Each structure stands twice: as structure tokens, then as C-alpha cells.
Amino acid sequence: AGMHPQTLRIYERRGLLDPARTSGGNRRYSEADIGLLMRIAQLTDEGLNLEGVKRVLALEAEVARLQGELDLARAEGDQAVAAVHRQYRRDLVPMKESVTIYRGRRAR
């Protein structure tokens, strides 16, 4: 990510980043970590301090979590509506099949 190692350690100490480690203790940064580092750099460039960055990242994670819940709820709602429509189609009988002509005598 082109950052000074000390900067990376500060981010880690502040809880902004938690890279994987090798058995020898060396940090291994994933693509997700690099994306996070780029987001941190963007926020600090915009003038946020590290506590502000931490708060923004937490809020963004919460928004993503809530968006996932919303997407799931929408999908479940769509499935429920489709199930009701299928049931309606099964319950409805075509007119030709439901009308029986009675050819008996008329009451007077």
C-alpha cells in the first residue's frame, strides 16, 4: 500500500487493522487489508484523525451489515409474494370448469 511500516503498526495498535501473521510473526496483508488501508489513507487525507477514521469504518461496516439484512428481507418478501401468487393460481379454477349448467325444471 506504499505506507511506512510504523504507520501500519500504529493502525494496528489503534484497532484499525488486524493483518494475518505467519508462523514467524510477520504480517501478511490481504487484498481486503490493502483496500482498508487505502480507505484509511483517503479518510486521513480528508482531515479525519484516527479516532474519526475508526468511527467512520465502524459506521460503514454497520451500513454494510444492515444492507445485507435488508437484501435478505427483500428476497424473503419476494419469495413470500411469489408463493402466494402460486397458491392463488392453484386455487383459481377456470370458468369453463367451474360453471355447471343445471337442466332441471324451473320452480314456479
PDB file of N, CA and C in Angstrom:
ATOM      1  N   ALA A   1       0.835  -1.202   0.000  1.00  0.00           N
ATOM      2  CA  ALA A   1       0.000   0.000   0.000  1.00  0.00           C
ATOM      3  C   ALA A   1       0.868   1.249   0.000  1.00  0.00           C
ATOM      4  N   GLY A   2       2.189   1.071   0.030  1.00  0.00           N
ATOM      5  CA  GLY A   2       3.091   2.218  -0.016  1.00  0.00           C
ATOM      6  C   GLY A   2       3.118   3.011   1.275  1.00  0.00           C
ATOM      7  N   MET A   3       2.894   2.358   2.409  1.00  0.00           N
ATOM      8  CA  MET A   3       2.874   3.050   3.697  1.00  0.00           C
ATOM      9  C   MET A   3       4.089   2.656   4.512  1.00  0.00           C
ATOM     10  N   HIS A   4       4.484   3.570   5.349  1.00  0.00           N
ATOM     11  CA  HIS A   4       5.617   3.326   6.237  1.00  0.00           C
ATOM     12  C   HIS A   4       5.231   2.235   7.239  1.00  0.00           C
ATOM     13  N   PRO A   5       6.153   1.324   7.546  1.00  0.00           N
ATOM     14  CA  PRO A   5       5.842   0.244   8.492  1.00  0.00           C
ATOM     15  C   PRO A   5       5.354   0.756   9.849  1.00  0.00           C
ATOM     16  N   GLN A   6       5.903   1.881  10.298  1.00  0.00           N
ATOM     17  CA  GLN A   6       5.463   2.432  11.587  1.00  0.00           C
ATOM     18  C   GLN A   6       3.996   2.864  11.519  1.00  0.00           C
ATOM     19  N   THR A   7       3.594   3.406  10.384  1.00  0.00           N
ATOM     20  CA  THR A   7       2.192   3.798  10.193  1.00  0.00           C
ATOM     21  C   THR A   7       1.294   2.570  10.289  1.00  0.00           C
ATOM     22  N   LEU A   8       1.718   1.483   9.673  1.00  0.00           N
ATOM     23  CA  LEU A   8       0.941   0.243   9.721  1.00  0.00           C
ATOM     24  C   LEU A   8       0.819  -0.273  11.152  1.00  0.00           C
ATOM     25  N   ARG A   9       1.903  -0.170  11.916  1.00  0.00           N
ATOM     26  CA  ARG A   9       1.872  -0.613  13.312  1.00  0.00           C
ATOM     27  C   ARG A   9       0.926   0.256  14.138  1.00  0.00           C
ATOM     28  N   ILE A  10       0.937   1.562  13.878  1.00  0.00           N
ATOM     29  CA  ILE A  10       0.026   2.474  14.592  1.00  0.00           C
ATOM     30  C   ILE A  10      -1.418   2.094  14.290  1.00  0.00           C
ATOM     31  N   TYR A  11      -1.723   1.866  13.030  1.00  0.00           N
ATOM     32  CA  TYR A  11      -3.083   1.481  12.651  1.00  0.00           C
ATOM     33  C   TYR A  11      -3.489   0.190  13.357  1.00  0.00           C
ATOM     34  N   GLU A  12      -2.546  -0.728  13.442  1.00  0.00           N
ATOM     35  CA  GLU A  12      -2.832  -1.999  14.102  1.00  0.00           C
ATOM     36  C   GLU A  12      -3.070  -1.787  15.597  1.00  0.00           C
ATOM     37  N   ARG A  13      -2.231  -0.985  16.241  1.00  0.00           N
ATOM     38  CA  ARG A  13      -2.396  -0.707  17.675  1.00  0.00           C
ATOM     39  C   ARG A  13      -3.720  -0.013  17.966  1.00  0.00           C
ATOM     40  N   ARG A  14      -4.165   0.837  17.059  1.00  0.00           N
ATOM     41  CA  ARG A  14      -5.421   1.575  17.248  1.00  0.00           C
ATOM     42  C   ARG A  14      -6.651   0.733  16.901  1.00  0.00           C
ATOM     43  N   GLY A  15      -6.429  -0.479  16.442  1.00  0.00           N
ATOM     44  CA  GLY A  15      -7.548  -1.368  16.133  1.00  0.00           C
ATOM     45  C   GLY A  15      -8.176  -1.129  14.769  1.00  0.00           C
ATOM     46  N   LEU A  16      -7.473  -0.412  13.903  1.00  0.00           N
ATOM     47  CA  LEU A  16      -7.994  -0.149  12.567  1.00  0.00           C
ATOM     48  C   LEU A  16      -7.728  -1.302  11.611  1.00  0.00           C
ATOM     49  N   LEU A  17      -6.780  -2.131  11.949  1.00  0.00           N
ATOM     50  CA  LEU A  17      -6.300  -3.161  11.037  1.00  0.00           C
ATOM     51  C   LEU A  17      -5.826  -4.352  11.850  1.00  0.00           C
ATOM     52  N   ASP A  18      -6.082  -5.543  11.367  1.00  0.00           N
ATOM     53  CA  ASP A  18      -5.624  -6.755  12.048  1.00  0.00           C
ATOM     54  C   ASP A  18      -5.155  -7.758  10.997  1.00  0.00           C
ATOM     55  N   PRO A  19      -3.937  -7.555  10.479  1.00  0.00           N
ATOM     56  CA  PRO A  19      -3.449  -8.448   9.424  1.00  0.00           C
ATOM     57  C   PRO A  19      -3.124  -9.841   9.966  1.00  0.00           C
ATOM     58  N   ALA A  20      -3.193 -10.806   9.073  1.00  0.00           N
ATOM     59  CA  ALA A  20      -2.790 -12.168   9.431  1.00  0.00           C
ATOM     60  C   ALA A  20      -1.280 -12.177   9.657  1.00  0.00           C
ATOM     61  N   ARG A  21      -0.824 -13.203  10.345  1.00  0.00           N
ATOM     62  CA  ARG A  21       0.613 -13.316  10.616  1.00  0.00           C
ATOM     63  C   ARG A  21       1.112 -14.698  10.234  1.00  0.00           C
ATOM     64  N   THR A  22       2.358 -14.725   9.825  1.00  0.00           N
ATOM     65  CA  THR A  22       3.000 -16.005   9.531  1.00  0.00           C
ATOM     66  C   THR A  22       3.385 -16.657  10.844  1.00  0.00           C
ATOM     67  N   SER A  23       3.825 -17.896  10.780  1.00  0.00           N
ATOM     68  CA  SER A  23       4.271 -18.581  11.999  1.00  0.00           C
ATOM     69  C   SER A  23       5.466 -17.862  12.619  1.00  0.00           C
ATOM     70  N   GLY A  24       6.215 -17.127  11.805  1.00  0.00           N
ATOM     71  CA  GLY A  24       7.345 -16.354  12.315  1.00  0.00           C
ATOM     72  C   GLY A  24       6.949 -14.987  12.852  1.00  0.00           C
ATOM     73  N   GLY A  25       5.655 -14.644  12.772  1.00  0.00           N
ATOM     74  CA  GLY A  25       5.180 -13.377  13.317  1.00  0.00           C
ATOM     75  C   GLY A  25       5.141 -12.229  12.322  1.00  0.00           C
ATOM     76  N   ASN A  26       5.542 -12.491  11.078  1.00  0.00           N
ATOM     77  CA  ASN A  26       5.492 -11.422  10.073  1.00  0.00           C
ATOM     78  C   ASN A  26       4.049 -11.157   9.650  1.00  0.00           C
ATOM     79  N   ARG A  27       3.755  -9.905   9.400  1.00  0.00           N
ATOM     80  CA  ARG A  27       2.410  -9.520   8.966  1.00  0.00           C
ATOM     81  C   ARG A  27       2.205  -9.888   7.496  1.00  0.00           C
ATOM     82  N   ARG A  28       1.002 -10.396   7.201  1.00  0.00           N
ATOM     83  CA  ARG A  28       0.621 -10.725   5.824  1.00  0.00           C
ATOM     84  C   ARG A  28      -0.659  -9.960   5.522  1.00  0.00           C
ATOM     85  N   TYR A  29      -0.584  -9.047   4.573  1.00  0.00           N
ATOM     86  CA  TYR A  29      -1.720  -8.200   4.241  1.00  0.00           C
ATOM     87  C   TYR A  29      -2.499  -8.786   3.065  1.00  0.00           C
ATOM     88  N   SER A  30      -3.790  -8.966   3.275  1.00  0.00           N
ATOM     89  CA  SER A  30      -4.666  -9.492   2.225  1.00  0.00           C
ATOM     90  C   SER A  30      -5.118  -8.346   1.323  1.00  0.00           C
ATOM     91  N   GLU A  31      -5.803  -8.710   0.253  1.00  0.00           N
ATOM     92  CA  GLU A  31      -6.380  -7.687  -0.631  1.00  0.00           C
ATOM     93  C   GLU A  31      -7.369  -6.821   0.146  1.00  0.00           C
ATOM     94  N   ALA A  32      -8.137  -7.455   1.039  1.00  0.00           N
ATOM     95  CA  ALA A  32      -9.090  -6.700   1.864  1.00  0.00           C
ATOM     96  C   ALA A  32      -8.348  -5.723   2.772  1.00  0.00           C
ATOM     97  N   ASP A  33      -7.223  -6.162   3.353  1.00  0.00           N
ATOM     98  CA  ASP A  33      -6.409  -5.275   4.196  1.00  0.00           C
ATOM     99  C   ASP A  33      -5.905  -4.086   3.393  1.00  0.00           C
ATOM    100  N   ILE A  34      -5.463  -4.338   2.186  1.00  0.00           N
ATOM    101  CA  ILE A  34      -4.939  -3.260   1.339  1.00  0.00           C
ATOM    102  C   ILE A  34      -6.060  -2.282   0.983  1.00  0.00           C
ATOM    103  N   GLY A  35      -7.238  -2.805   0.692  1.00  0.00           N
ATOM    104  CA  GLY A  35      -8.384  -1.933   0.440  1.00  0.00           C
ATOM    105  C   GLY A  35      -8.720  -1.080   1.653  1.00  0.00           C
ATOM    106  N   LEU A  36      -8.643  -1.689   2.828  1.00  0.00           N
ATOM    107  CA  LEU A  36      -8.888  -0.964   4.071  1.00  0.00           C
ATOM    108  C   LEU A  36      -7.834   0.116   4.287  1.00  0.00           C
ATOM    109  N   LEU A  37      -6.578  -0.206   4.022  1.00  0.00           N
ATOM    110  CA  LEU A  37      -5.505   0.787   4.149  1.00  0.00           C
ATOM    111  C   LEU A  37      -5.728   1.961   3.200  1.00  0.00           C
ATOM    112  N   MET A  38      -6.189   1.668   2.008  1.00  0.00           N
ATOM    113  CA  MET A  38      -6.471   2.747   1.055  1.00  0.00           C
ATOM    114  C   MET A  38      -7.622   3.621   1.557  1.00  0.00           C
ATOM    115  N   ARG A  39      -8.637   2.996   2.163  1.00  0.00           N
ATOM    116  CA  ARG A  39      -9.762   3.764   2.716  1.00  0.00           C
ATOM    117  C   ARG A  39      -9.289   4.619   3.889  1.00  0.00           C
ATOM    118  N   ILE A  40      -8.443   4.068   4.745  1.00  0.00           N
ATOM    119  CA  ILE A  40      -7.894   4.833   5.871  1.00  0.00           C
ATOM    120  C   ILE A  40      -7.115   6.030   5.347  1.00  0.00           C
ATOM    121  N   ALA A  41      -6.283   5.801   4.330  1.00  0.00           N
ATOM    122  CA  ALA A  41      -5.497   6.897   3.750  1.00  0.00           C
ATOM    123  C   ALA A  41      -6.415   7.977   3.182  1.00  0.00           C
ATOM    124  N   GLN A  42      -7.479   7.565   2.520  1.00  0.00           N
ATOM    125  CA  GLN A  42      -8.430   8.530   1.952  1.00  0.00           C
ATOM    126  C   GLN A  42      -9.060   9.373   3.059  1.00  0.00           C
ATOM    127  N   LEU A  43      -9.475   8.723   4.133  1.00  0.00           N
ATOM    128  CA  LEU A  43     -10.127   9.448   5.226  1.00  0.00           C
ATOM    129  C   LEU A  43      -9.160  10.387   5.941  1.00  0.00           C
ATOM    130  N   THR A  44      -7.931   9.933   6.150  1.00  0.00           N
ATOM    131  CA  THR A  44      -6.958  10.823   6.804  1.00  0.00           C
ATOM    132  C   THR A  44      -6.579  11.978   5.884  1.00  0.00           C
ATOM    133  N   ASP A  45      -6.530  11.727   4.585  1.00  0.00           N
ATOM    134  CA  ASP A  45      -6.266  12.813   3.631  1.00  0.00           C
ATOM    135  C   ASP A  45      -7.377  13.860   3.660  1.00  0.00           C
ATOM    136  N   GLU A  46      -8.591  13.418   3.987  1.00  0.00           N
ATOM    137  CA  GLU A  46      -9.724  14.340   4.076  1.00  0.00           C
ATOM    138  C   GLU A  46      -9.756  15.081   5.408  1.00  0.00           C
ATOM    139  N   GLY A  47      -8.806  14.762   6.293  1.00  0.00           N
ATOM    140  CA  GLY A  47      -8.687  15.515   7.537  1.00  0.00           C
ATOM    141  C   GLY A  47      -9.165  14.814   8.791  1.00  0.00           C
ATOM    142  N   LEU A  48      -9.602  13.572   8.698  1.00  0.00           N
ATOM    143  CA  LEU A  48     -10.049  12.867   9.894  1.00  0.00           C
ATOM    144  C   LEU A  48      -8.848  12.372  10.691  1.00  0.00           C
ATOM    145  N   ASN A  49      -8.982  12.436  12.018  1.00  0.00           N
ATOM    146  CA  ASN A  49      -7.953  11.822  12.855  1.00  0.00           C
ATOM    147  C   ASN A  49      -8.263  10.328  12.962  1.00  0.00           C
ATOM    148  N   LEU A  50      -7.401   9.571  13.612  1.00  0.00           N
ATOM    149  CA  LEU A  50      -7.564   8.115  13.620  1.00  0.00           C
ATOM    150  C   LEU A  50      -8.822   7.665  14.361  1.00  0.00           C
ATOM    151  N   GLU A  51      -9.220   8.402  15.397  1.00  0.00           N
ATOM    152  CA  GLU A  51     -10.471   8.055  16.079  1.00  0.00           C
ATOM    153  C   GLU A  51     -11.665   8.288  15.152  1.00  0.00           C
ATOM    154  N   GLY A  52     -11.606   9.368  14.380  1.00  0.00           N
ATOM    155  CA  GLY A  52     -12.656   9.635  13.400  1.00  0.00           C
ATOM    156  C   GLY A  52     -12.692   8.566  12.328  1.00  0.00           C
ATOM    157  N   VAL A  53     -11.521   8.151  11.885  1.00  0.00           N
ATOM    158  CA  VAL A  53     -11.428   7.081  10.882  1.00  0.00           C
ATOM    159  C   VAL A  53     -12.036   5.801  11.438  1.00  0.00           C
ATOM    160  N   LYS A  54     -11.705   5.496  12.685  1.00  0.00           N
ATOM    161  CA  LYS A  54     -12.228   4.280  13.310  1.00  0.00           C
ATOM    162  C   LYS A  54     -13.753   4.320  13.368  1.00  0.00           C
ATOM    163  N   ARG A  55     -14.295   5.477  13.712  1.00  0.00           N
ATOM    164  CA  ARG A  55     -15.753   5.629  13.793  1.00  0.00           C
ATOM    165  C   ARG A  55     -16.399   5.484  12.408  1.00  0.00           C
ATOM    166  N   VAL A  56     -15.806   6.125  11.410  1.00  0.00           N
ATOM    167  CA  VAL A  56     -16.339   6.027  10.047  1.00  0.00           C
ATOM    168  C   VAL A  56     -16.312   4.573   9.577  1.00  0.00           C
ATOM    169  N   LEU A  57     -15.220   3.874   9.824  1.00  0.00           N
ATOM    170  CA  LEU A  57     -15.116   2.473   9.403  1.00  0.00           C
ATOM    171  C   LEU A  57     -16.163   1.612  10.106  1.00  0.00           C
ATOM    172  N   ALA A  58     -16.384   1.885  11.398  1.00  0.00           N
ATOM    173  CA  ALA A  58     -17.401   1.135  12.140  1.00  0.00           C
ATOM    174  C   ALA A  58     -18.789   1.405  11.563  1.00  0.00           C
ATOM    175  N   LEU A  59     -19.059   2.666  11.246  1.00  0.00           N
ATOM    176  CA  LEU A  59     -20.361   3.011  10.669  1.00  0.00           C
ATOM    177  C   LEU A  59     -20.538   2.392   9.283  1.00  0.00           C
ATOM    178  N   GLU A  60     -19.485   2.393   8.485  1.00  0.00           N
ATOM    179  CA  GLU A  60     -19.565   1.772   7.161  1.00  0.00           C
ATOM    180  C   GLU A  60     -19.820   0.270   7.275  1.00  0.00           C
ATOM    181  N   ALA A  61     -19.185  -0.373   8.258  1.00  0.00           N
ATOM    182  CA  ALA A  61     -19.411  -1.804   8.472  1.00  0.00           C
ATOM    183  C   ALA A  61     -20.857  -2.053   8.900  1.00  0.00           C
ATOM    184  N   GLU A  62     -21.385  -1.171   9.748  1.00  0.00           N
ATOM    185  CA  GLU A  62     -22.772  -1.304  10.192  1.00  0.00           C
ATOM    186  C   GLU A  62     -23.737  -1.112   9.024  1.00  0.00           C
ATOM    187  N   VAL A  63     -23.465  -0.143   8.177  1.00  0.00           N
ATOM    188  CA  VAL A  63     -24.301   0.079   6.992  1.00  0.00           C
ATOM    189  C   VAL A  63     -24.276  -1.162   6.098  1.00  0.00           C
ATOM    190  N   ALA A  64     -23.112  -1.739   5.905  1.00  0.00           N
ATOM    191  CA  ALA A  64     -22.999  -2.943   5.069  1.00  0.00           C
ATOM    192  C   ALA A  64     -23.782  -4.102   5.685  1.00  0.00           C
ATOM    193  N   ARG A  65     -23.701  -4.241   7.004  1.00  0.00           N
ATOM    194  CA  ARG A  65     -24.436  -5.308   7.693  1.00  0.00           C
ATOM    195  C   ARG A  65     -25.940  -5.105   7.531  1.00  0.00           C
ATOM    196  N   LEU A  66     -26.391  -3.873   7.749  1.00  0.00           N
ATOM    197  CA  LEU A  66     -27.815  -3.576   7.621  1.00  0.00           C
ATOM    198  C   LEU A  66     -28.297  -3.744   6.182  1.00  0.00           C
ATOM    199  N   GLN A  67     -27.455  -3.386   5.218  1.00  0.00           N
ATOM    200  CA  GLN A  67     -27.813  -3.565   3.808  1.00  0.00           C
ATOM    201  C   GLN A  67     -27.994  -5.048   3.502  1.00  0.00           C
ATOM    202  N   GLY A  68     -27.124  -5.879   4.082  1.00  0.00           N
ATOM    203  CA  GLY A  68     -27.262  -7.324   3.908  1.00  0.00           C
ATOM    204  C   GLY A  68     -28.570  -7.838   4.490  1.00  0.00           C
ATOM    205  N   GLU A  69     -28.938  -7.345   5.675  1.00  0.00           N
ATOM    206  CA  GLU A  69     -30.206  -7.743   6.282  1.00  0.00           C
ATOM    207  C   GLU A  69     -31.386  -7.290   5.426  1.00  0.00           C
ATOM    208  N   LEU A  70     -31.300  -6.066   4.913  1.00  0.00           N
ATOM    209  CA  LEU A  70     -32.366  -5.536   4.061  1.00  0.00           C
ATOM    210  C   LEU A  70     -32.500  -6.361   2.787  1.00  0.00           C
ATOM    211  N   ASP A  71     -31.381  -6.694   2.171  1.00  0.00           N
ATOM    212  CA  ASP A  71     -31.408  -7.510   0.955  1.00  0.00           C
ATOM    213  C   ASP A  71     -32.043  -8.872   1.229  1.00  0.00           C
ATOM    214  N   LEU A  72     -31.688  -9.462   2.373  1.00  0.00           N
ATOM    215  CA  LEU A  72     -32.258 -10.755   2.749  1.00  0.00           C
ATOM    216  C   LEU A  72     -33.762 -10.632   2.980  1.00  0.00           C
ATOM    217  N   ALA A  73     -34.183  -9.587   3.687  1.00  0.00           N
ATOM    218  CA  ALA A  73     -35.612  -9.384   3.949  1.00  0.00           C
ATOM    219  C   ALA A  73     -36.378  -9.173   2.643  1.00  0.00           C
ATOM    220  N   ARG A  74     -35.793  -8.417   1.729  1.00  0.00           N
ATOM    221  CA  ARG A  74     -36.452  -8.213   0.430  1.00  0.00           C
ATOM    222  C   ARG A  74     -36.598  -9.533  -0.321  1.00  0.00           C
ATOM    223  N   ALA A  75     -35.545 -10.329  -0.310  1.00  0.00           N
ATOM    224  CA  ALA A  75     -35.594 -11.621  -1.003  1.00  0.00           C
ATOM    225  C   ALA A  75     -36.653 -12.523  -0.373  1.00  0.00           C
ATOM    226  N   GLU A  76     -36.717 -12.541   0.957  1.00  0.00           N
ATOM    227  CA  GLU A  76     -37.727 -13.352   1.636  1.00  0.00           C
ATOM    228  C   GLU A  76     -39.130 -12.845   1.313  1.00  0.00           C
ATOM    229  N   GLY A  77     -39.297 -11.524   1.272  1.00  0.00           N
ATOM    230  CA  GLY A  77     -40.592 -10.946   0.907  1.00  0.00           C
ATOM    231  C   GLY A  77     -40.988 -11.313  -0.507  1.00  0.00           C
ATOM    232  N   ASP A  78     -40.038 -11.229  -1.423  1.00  0.00           N
ATOM    233  CA  ASP A  78     -40.307 -11.602  -2.819  1.00  0.00           C
ATOM    234  C   ASP A  78     -40.718 -13.068  -2.918  1.00  0.00           C
ATOM    235  N   GLN A  79     -40.048 -13.927  -2.147  1.00  0.00           N
ATOM    236  CA  GLN A  79     -40.394 -15.348  -2.163  1.00  0.00           C
ATOM    237  C   GLN A  79     -41.790 -15.577  -1.596  1.00  0.00           C
ATOM    238  N   ALA A  80     -42.138 -14.846  -0.536  1.00  0.00           N
ATOM    239  CA  ALA A  80     -43.464 -14.994   0.064  1.00  0.00           C
ATOM    240  C   ALA A  80     -44.549 -14.548  -0.914  1.00  0.00           C
ATOM    241  N   VAL A  81     -44.332 -13.434  -1.584  1.00  0.00           N
ATOM    242  CA  VAL A  81     -45.303 -12.952  -2.577  1.00  0.00           C
ATOM    243  C   VAL A  81     -45.449 -13.965  -3.703  1.00  0.00           C
ATOM    244  N   ALA A  82     -44.342 -14.497  -4.178  1.00  0.00           N
ATOM    245  CA  ALA A  82     -44.394 -15.491  -5.254  1.00  0.00           C
ATOM    246  C   ALA A  82     -45.150 -16.740  -4.801  1.00  0.00           C
ATOM    247  N   ALA A  83     -44.952 -17.148  -3.548  1.00  0.00           N
ATOM    248  CA  ALA A  83     -45.657 -18.323  -3.032  1.00  0.00           C
ATOM    249  C   ALA A  83     -47.162 -18.070  -2.977  1.00  0.00           C
ATOM    250  N   VAL A  84     -47.557 -16.875  -2.556  1.00  0.00           N
ATOM    251  CA  VAL A  84     -48.984 -16.537  -2.512  1.00  0.00           C
ATOM    252  C   VAL A  84     -49.562 -16.533  -3.921  1.00  0.00           C
ATOM    253  N   HIS A  85     -48.840 -15.966  -4.860  1.00  0.00           N
ATOM    254  CA  HIS A  85     -49.314 -15.953  -6.253  1.00  0.00           C
ATOM    255  C   HIS A  85     -49.454 -17.372  -6.800  1.00  0.00           C
ATOM    256  N   ARG A  86     -48.499 -18.227  -6.487  1.00  0.00           N
ATOM    257  CA  ARG A  86     -48.599 -19.621  -6.941  1.00  0.00           C
ATOM    258  C   ARG A  86     -49.836 -20.289  -6.332  1.00  0.00           C
ATOM    259  N   GLN A  87     -50.071 -20.021  -5.052  1.00  0.00           N
ATOM    260  CA  GLN A  87     -51.236 -20.607  -4.383  1.00  0.00           C
ATOM    261  C   GLN A  87     -52.531 -20.087  -5.001  1.00  0.00           C
ATOM    262  N   TYR A  88     -52.588 -18.795  -5.302  1.00  0.00           N
ATOM    263  CA  TYR A  88     -53.772 -18.238  -5.968  1.00  0.00           C
ATOM    264  C   TYR A  88     -54.011 -18.932  -7.299  1.00  0.00           C
ATOM    265  N   ARG A  89     -52.961 -19.134  -8.070  1.00  0.00           N
ATOM    266  CA  ARG A  89     -53.115 -19.778  -9.375  1.00  0.00           C
ATOM    267  C   ARG A  89     -53.614 -21.220  -9.224  1.00  0.00           C
ATOM    268  N   ARG A  90     -53.184 -21.901  -8.172  1.00  0.00           N
ATOM    269  CA  ARG A  90     -53.663 -23.271  -7.937  1.00  0.00           C
ATOM    270  C   ARG A  90     -55.125 -23.264  -7.492  1.00  0.00           C
ATOM    271  N   ASP A  91     -55.490 -22.262  -6.677  1.00  0.00           N
ATOM    272  CA  ASP A  91     -56.849 -22.215  -6.125  1.00  0.00           C
ATOM    273  C   ASP A  91     -57.885 -21.748  -7.140  1.00  0.00           C
ATOM    274  N   LEU A  92     -57.483 -20.939  -8.076  1.00  0.00           N
ATOM    275  CA  LEU A  92     -58.427 -20.436  -9.066  1.00  0.00           C
ATOM    276  C   LEU A  92     -58.745 -21.537 -10.068  1.00  0.00           C
ATOM    277  N   VAL A  93     -60.016 -21.667 -10.370  1.00  0.00           N
ATOM    278  CA  VAL A  93     -60.458 -22.680 -11.322  1.00  0.00           C
ATOM    279  C   VAL A  93     -60.935 -21.944 -12.563  1.00  0.00           C
ATOM    280  N   PRO A  94     -60.527 -22.370 -13.735  1.00  0.00           N
ATOM    281  CA  PRO A  94     -61.003 -21.708 -14.953  1.00  0.00           C
ATOM    282  C   PRO A  94     -62.528 -21.749 -15.026  1.00  0.00           C
ATOM    283  N   MET A  95     -63.122 -20.716 -15.583  1.00  0.00           N
ATOM    284  CA  MET A  95     -64.581 -20.589 -15.651  1.00  0.00           C
ATOM    285  C   MET A  95     -65.238 -21.780 -16.344  1.00  0.00           C
ATOM    286  N   LYS A  96     -64.671 -22.288 -17.410  1.00  0.00           N
ATOM    287  CA  LYS A  96     -65.282 -23.402 -18.134  1.00  0.00           C
ATOM    288  C   LYS A  96     -65.442 -24.612 -17.224  1.00  0.00           C
ATOM    289  N   GLU A  97     -64.518 -24.799 -16.316  1.00  0.00           N
ATOM    290  CA  GLU A  97     -64.576 -25.960 -15.440  1.00  0.00           C
ATOM    291  C   GLU A  97     -65.475 -25.727 -14.234  1.00  0.00           C
ATOM    292  N   SER A  98     -65.689 -24.473 -13.868  1.00  0.00           N
ATOM    293  CA  SER A  98     -66.421 -24.207 -12.639  1.00  0.00           C
ATOM    294  C   SER A  98     -67.916 -23.997 -12.853  1.00  0.00           C
ATOM    295  N   VAL A  99     -68.348 -23.729 -14.071  1.00  0.00           N
ATOM    296  CA  VAL A  99     -69.767 -23.477 -14.329  1.00  0.00           C
ATOM    297  C   VAL A  99     -70.421 -24.778 -14.782  1.00  0.00           C
ATOM    298  N   THR A 100     -71.416 -25.178 -14.054  1.00  0.00           N
ATOM    299  CA  THR A 100     -72.185 -26.365 -14.412  1.00  0.00           C
ATOM    300  C   THR A 100     -73.595 -25.903 -14.741  1.00  0.00           C
ATOM    301  N   ILE A 101     -74.084 -26.317 -15.866  1.00  0.00           N
ATOM    302  CA  ILE A 101     -75.422 -25.910 -16.291  1.00  0.00           C
ATOM    303  C   ILE A 101     -76.419 -26.903 -15.720  1.00  0.00           C
ATOM    304  N   TYR A 102     -77.395 -26.383 -15.044  1.00  0.00           N
ATOM    305  CA  TYR A 102     -78.440 -27.210 -14.462  1.00  0.00           C
ATOM    306  C   TYR A 102     -79.600 -27.256 -15.440  1.00  0.00           C
ATOM    307  N   ARG A 103     -79.952 -28.419 -15.885  1.00  0.00           N
ATOM    308  CA  ARG A 103     -81.005 -28.552 -16.885  1.00  0.00           C
ATOM    309  C   ARG A 103     -82.260 -29.186 -16.256  1.00  0.00           C
ATOM    310  N   GLY A 104     -82.525 -28.837 -15.066  1.00  0.00           N
ATOM    311  CA  GLY A 104     -83.721 -29.370 -14.403  1.00  0.00           C
ATOM    312  C   GLY A 104     -84.926 -28.478 -14.645  1.00  0.00           C
ATOM    313  N   ARG A 105     -85.981 -28.742 -13.901  1.00  0.00           N
ATOM    314  CA  ARG A 105     -87.201 -27.949 -14.037  1.00  0.00           C
ATOM    315  C   ARG A 105     -87.075 -26.657 -13.264  1.00  0.00           C
ATOM    316  N   ARG A 106     -87.743 -25.639 -13.781  1.00  0.00           N
ATOM    317  CA  ARG A 106     -87.769 -24.356 -13.088  1.00  0.00           C
ATOM    318  C   ARG A 106     -88.842 -24.372 -12.005  1.00  0.00           C
ATOM    319  N   ALA A 107     -88.522 -23.705 -10.936  1.00  0.00           N
ATOM    320  CA  ALA A 107     -89.530 -23.557  -9.881  1.00  0.00           C
ATOM    321  C   ALA A 107     -90.514 -22.482 -10.306  1.00  0.00           C
ATOM    322  N   ARG A 108     -91.823 -22.664 -10.002  1.00  0.00           N
ATOM    323  CA  ARG A 108     -92.838 -21.674 -10.391  1.00  0.00           C
ATOM    324  C   ARG A 108     -93.413 -21.005  -9.219  1.00  0.00           C
TER     325      ARG A 108
END
